[in-house]
Amino acid sequence: MPFNIWEITGLKGNIPCRVVMEEHSFECRLVPKGGGTYWIPVNKSIASSLLQEREIKTSLEPILSLSRINHDSPYSKELPVRKIDSIQEIPIQQGLCGQCCVAMLAGVSLEKVISVMGRGRASWSKILETLDYYGISYAGKAVYPRGGSFLLPQCCIVNHHNVFLLWYKGAFWGVQNVDYSKIISYIEIFL
Protein backbone atom coordinates (compact mmCIF):
# COMPACT_ATOMS: atom_id res chain seq x y z
CA MET A 1 0.00 0.00 0.00
CA PRO A 2 1.71 3.25 -1.05
CA PHE A 3 0.94 5.62 1.83
CA ASN A 4 3.41 7.66 3.86
CA ILE A 5 1.83 7.26 7.27
CA TRP A 6 4.65 9.35 8.79
CA GLU A 7 3.22 12.49 7.18
CA ILE A 8 -0.19 11.86 8.78
CA THR A 9 0.69 10.41 12.20
CA GLY A 10 4.36 11.10 12.90
CA LEU A 11 4.79 7.33 13.50
CA LYS A 12 7.45 5.12 11.95
CA GLY A 13 8.12 1.40 11.87
CA ASN A 14 5.53 -1.36 12.24
CA ILE A 15 2.37 0.69 12.84
CA PRO A 16 -0.58 -0.97 14.61
CA CYS A 17 -3.74 -0.31 12.58
CA ARG A 18 -7.36 -1.29 12.26
CA VAL A 19 -7.92 -2.21 8.60
CA VAL A 20 -11.12 -2.67 6.65
CA MET A 21 -10.88 -4.49 3.29
CA GLU A 22 -14.27 -4.81 1.61
CA GLU A 23 -16.40 -6.43 4.36
CA HIS A 24 -13.43 -7.71 6.40
CA SER A 25 -12.22 -5.80 9.48
CA PHE A 26 -9.03 -6.78 11.33
CA GLU A 27 -6.07 -5.41 13.25
CA CYS A 28 -2.46 -5.75 12.11
CA ARG A 29 0.88 -4.00 12.09
CA LEU A 30 1.71 -2.31 8.80
CA VAL A 31 5.11 -3.49 7.56
CA PRO A 32 7.30 -0.64 6.22
CA LYS A 33 9.03 -1.42 2.92
CA GLY A 34 10.66 2.00 2.43
CA GLY A 35 9.83 5.07 0.40
CA GLY A 36 6.43 5.48 2.08
CA THR A 37 5.26 2.02 1.01
CA TYR A 38 3.72 -0.43 3.51
CA TRP A 39 2.54 -4.00 3.30
CA ILE A 40 -0.72 -4.91 4.99
CA PRO A 41 -0.37 -8.46 6.30
CA VAL A 42 -3.59 -10.31 5.44
CA ASN A 43 -4.36 -13.83 6.64
CA LYS A 44 -5.09 -16.55 4.09
CA SER A 45 -8.83 -16.77 4.75
CA ILE A 46 -9.34 -13.06 4.06
CA ALA A 47 -6.97 -13.03 1.08
CA SER A 48 -8.73 -15.99 -0.54
CA SER A 49 -12.12 -14.30 -0.20
CA LEU A 50 -11.02 -11.10 -1.96
CA LEU A 51 -11.31 -10.84 -5.71
CA GLN A 52 -7.77 -10.42 -6.99
CA GLU A 53 -8.75 -9.09 -10.42
CA ARG A 54 -9.97 -5.70 -9.22
CA GLU A 55 -9.03 -2.87 -6.91
CA ILE A 56 -9.88 -3.65 -3.28
CA LYS A 57 -11.57 -0.93 -1.26
CA THR A 58 -9.36 -0.48 1.81
CA SER A 59 -9.33 1.89 4.76
CA LEU A 60 -7.10 1.95 7.81
CA GLU A 61 -6.86 3.73 11.11
CA PRO A 62 -3.70 3.83 13.26
CA ILE A 63 -4.34 2.55 16.82
CA LEU A 64 -2.22 2.56 19.99
CA SER A 65 -1.78 -1.20 20.19
CA LEU A 66 -3.27 -4.41 18.88
CA SER A 67 -5.99 -5.94 21.02
CA ARG A 68 -6.09 -9.52 19.73
CA ILE A 69 -3.74 -10.81 22.42
CA ASN A 70 -3.42 -8.01 24.97
CA HIS A 71 -7.08 -7.03 25.39
CA ASP A 72 -7.40 -8.84 28.74
CA SER A 73 -3.83 -8.46 30.00
CA PRO A 74 -3.26 -7.88 33.72
CA TYR A 75 -0.02 -6.05 32.75
CA SER A 76 0.79 -2.66 31.22
CA LYS A 77 3.86 -0.63 30.27
CA GLU A 78 3.57 1.05 33.69
CA LEU A 79 3.16 -2.31 35.51
CA PRO A 80 5.00 -4.94 33.43
CA VAL A 81 5.23 -8.60 34.32
CA ARG A 82 8.74 -7.90 35.69
CA LYS A 83 11.82 -5.70 35.46
CA ILE A 84 14.24 -7.38 33.08
CA ASP A 85 17.48 -7.63 35.05
CA SER A 86 18.43 -11.22 34.25
CA ILE A 87 17.49 -14.00 31.85
CA GLN A 88 16.61 -17.61 32.64
CA GLU A 89 17.73 -19.46 29.52
CA ILE A 90 15.23 -21.48 27.50
CA PRO A 91 16.66 -23.39 24.52
CA ILE A 92 15.25 -22.06 21.24
CA GLN A 93 12.90 -24.76 19.92
CA GLN A 94 12.09 -25.34 16.26
CA GLY A 95 8.77 -23.68 15.43
CA LEU A 96 8.62 -21.87 18.80
CA CYS A 97 11.53 -19.42 18.49
CA GLY A 98 9.43 -16.27 19.06
CA GLN A 99 7.61 -17.85 21.97
CA CYS A 100 10.95 -18.84 23.56
CA CYS A 101 12.28 -15.27 23.25
CA VAL A 102 9.16 -13.79 24.88
CA ALA A 103 9.23 -16.40 27.68
CA MET A 104 12.84 -15.51 28.52
CA LEU A 105 12.04 -11.78 28.55
CA ALA A 106 8.84 -12.16 30.58
CA GLY A 107 10.41 -14.62 33.01
CA VAL A 108 7.53 -17.06 32.60
CA SER A 109 7.32 -20.61 31.32
CA LEU A 110 7.19 -21.38 27.62
CA GLU A 111 3.78 -23.00 28.20
CA LYS A 112 2.38 -19.72 29.61
CA VAL A 113 3.59 -17.79 26.56
CA ILE A 114 2.11 -20.43 24.23
CA SER A 115 -1.25 -20.07 26.03
CA VAL A 116 -1.19 -16.33 25.20
CA MET A 117 0.57 -16.38 21.81
CA GLY A 118 -0.37 -19.77 20.41
CA ARG A 119 1.82 -22.45 18.87
CA GLY A 120 1.81 -21.05 15.35
CA ARG A 121 4.85 -19.70 13.58
CA ALA A 122 5.89 -16.41 15.16
CA SER A 123 5.90 -13.12 13.29
CA TRP A 124 7.06 -9.70 14.40
CA SER A 125 3.42 -8.74 14.80
CA LYS A 126 2.60 -11.67 17.11
CA ILE A 127 5.78 -11.15 19.13
CA LEU A 128 5.07 -7.44 19.64
CA GLU A 129 1.45 -8.14 20.61
CA THR A 130 2.66 -10.63 23.21
CA LEU A 131 5.29 -8.20 24.52
CA ASP A 132 2.43 -5.69 24.87
CA TYR A 133 0.45 -8.32 26.79
CA TYR A 134 3.31 -8.67 29.31
CA GLY A 135 3.90 -4.90 29.45
CA ILE A 136 7.43 -5.20 28.03
CA SER A 137 8.56 -1.98 26.32
CA TYR A 138 10.35 -2.02 22.98
CA ALA A 139 11.49 0.35 20.23
CA GLY A 140 8.88 1.61 17.80
CA LYS A 141 10.64 0.23 14.74
CA ALA A 142 12.92 -2.55 13.66
CA VAL A 143 16.52 -1.90 12.61
CA TYR A 144 17.74 -3.51 9.38
CA PRO A 145 21.58 -3.58 9.52
CA ARG A 146 21.96 -4.57 5.81
CA GLY A 147 25.44 -6.00 6.28
CA GLY A 148 28.46 -4.08 7.41
CA SER A 149 29.39 -3.61 11.04
CA PHE A 150 26.82 -2.79 13.69
CA LEU A 151 26.35 -3.02 17.44
CA LEU A 152 23.33 -4.68 18.96
CA PRO A 153 21.71 -2.81 21.88
CA GLN A 154 21.82 -4.25 25.41
CA CYS A 155 18.68 -6.27 24.80
CA CYS A 156 16.82 -7.08 21.59
CA ILE A 157 14.96 -9.72 19.66
CA VAL A 158 16.82 -10.56 16.47
CA ASN A 159 15.45 -11.98 13.22
CA HIS A 160 18.32 -14.28 12.26
CA HIS A 161 17.56 -15.77 8.86
CA ASN A 162 13.85 -16.01 9.79
CA VAL A 163 14.48 -17.47 13.24
CA PHE A 164 13.90 -15.19 16.23
CA LEU A 165 16.70 -15.06 18.81
CA LEU A 166 17.19 -13.18 22.06
CA TRP A 167 20.27 -10.98 22.57
CA TYR A 168 20.87 -9.86 26.16
CA LYS A 169 23.93 -8.04 27.50
CA GLY A 170 26.45 -9.27 24.96
CA ALA A 171 25.26 -12.80 24.23
CA PHE A 172 22.59 -14.77 22.41
CA TRP A 173 20.43 -16.89 24.71
CA GLY A 174 19.05 -20.32 23.90
CA VAL A 175 21.35 -20.91 20.90
CA GLN A 176 25.02 -21.25 20.04
CA ASN A 177 27.12 -20.30 17.02
CA VAL A 178 25.19 -17.40 15.51
CA ASP A 179 26.31 -16.12 12.10
CA TYR A 180 26.04 -12.32 12.38
CA SER A 181 25.93 -11.94 8.60
CA LYS A 182 22.49 -13.63 8.64
CA ILE A 183 20.90 -11.04 10.94
CA ILE A 184 18.01 -9.51 9.00
CA SER A 185 16.63 -7.14 11.63
CA TYR A 186 16.20 -6.54 15.33
CA ILE A 187 13.94 -4.65 17.71
CA GLU A 188 15.41 -3.20 20.88
CA ILE A 189 13.82 -4.21 24.19
CA PHE A 190 13.98 -1.46 26.80
CA LEU A 191 15.40 -2.56 30.15
Foldseek 3Di string as FASTA:
>chain_A
DQAQCCVVPVADAFFWKWKDWPNDTDIWTWHDPDPRDTDDDDDPVVVVVDDPPDDIDMDMDTDPAHCPQQVPAPAALVRFLDDPPDFDFDAQDVQCQLLRQLCRRSVHDSVVSCVRQNSGRDDPGSSVNSCRSRNWDWDRHKDFPQDDDDDDPQWKWWCQQNGTWIHHRHDTGNDDDGDPRRTGIIIGTDD
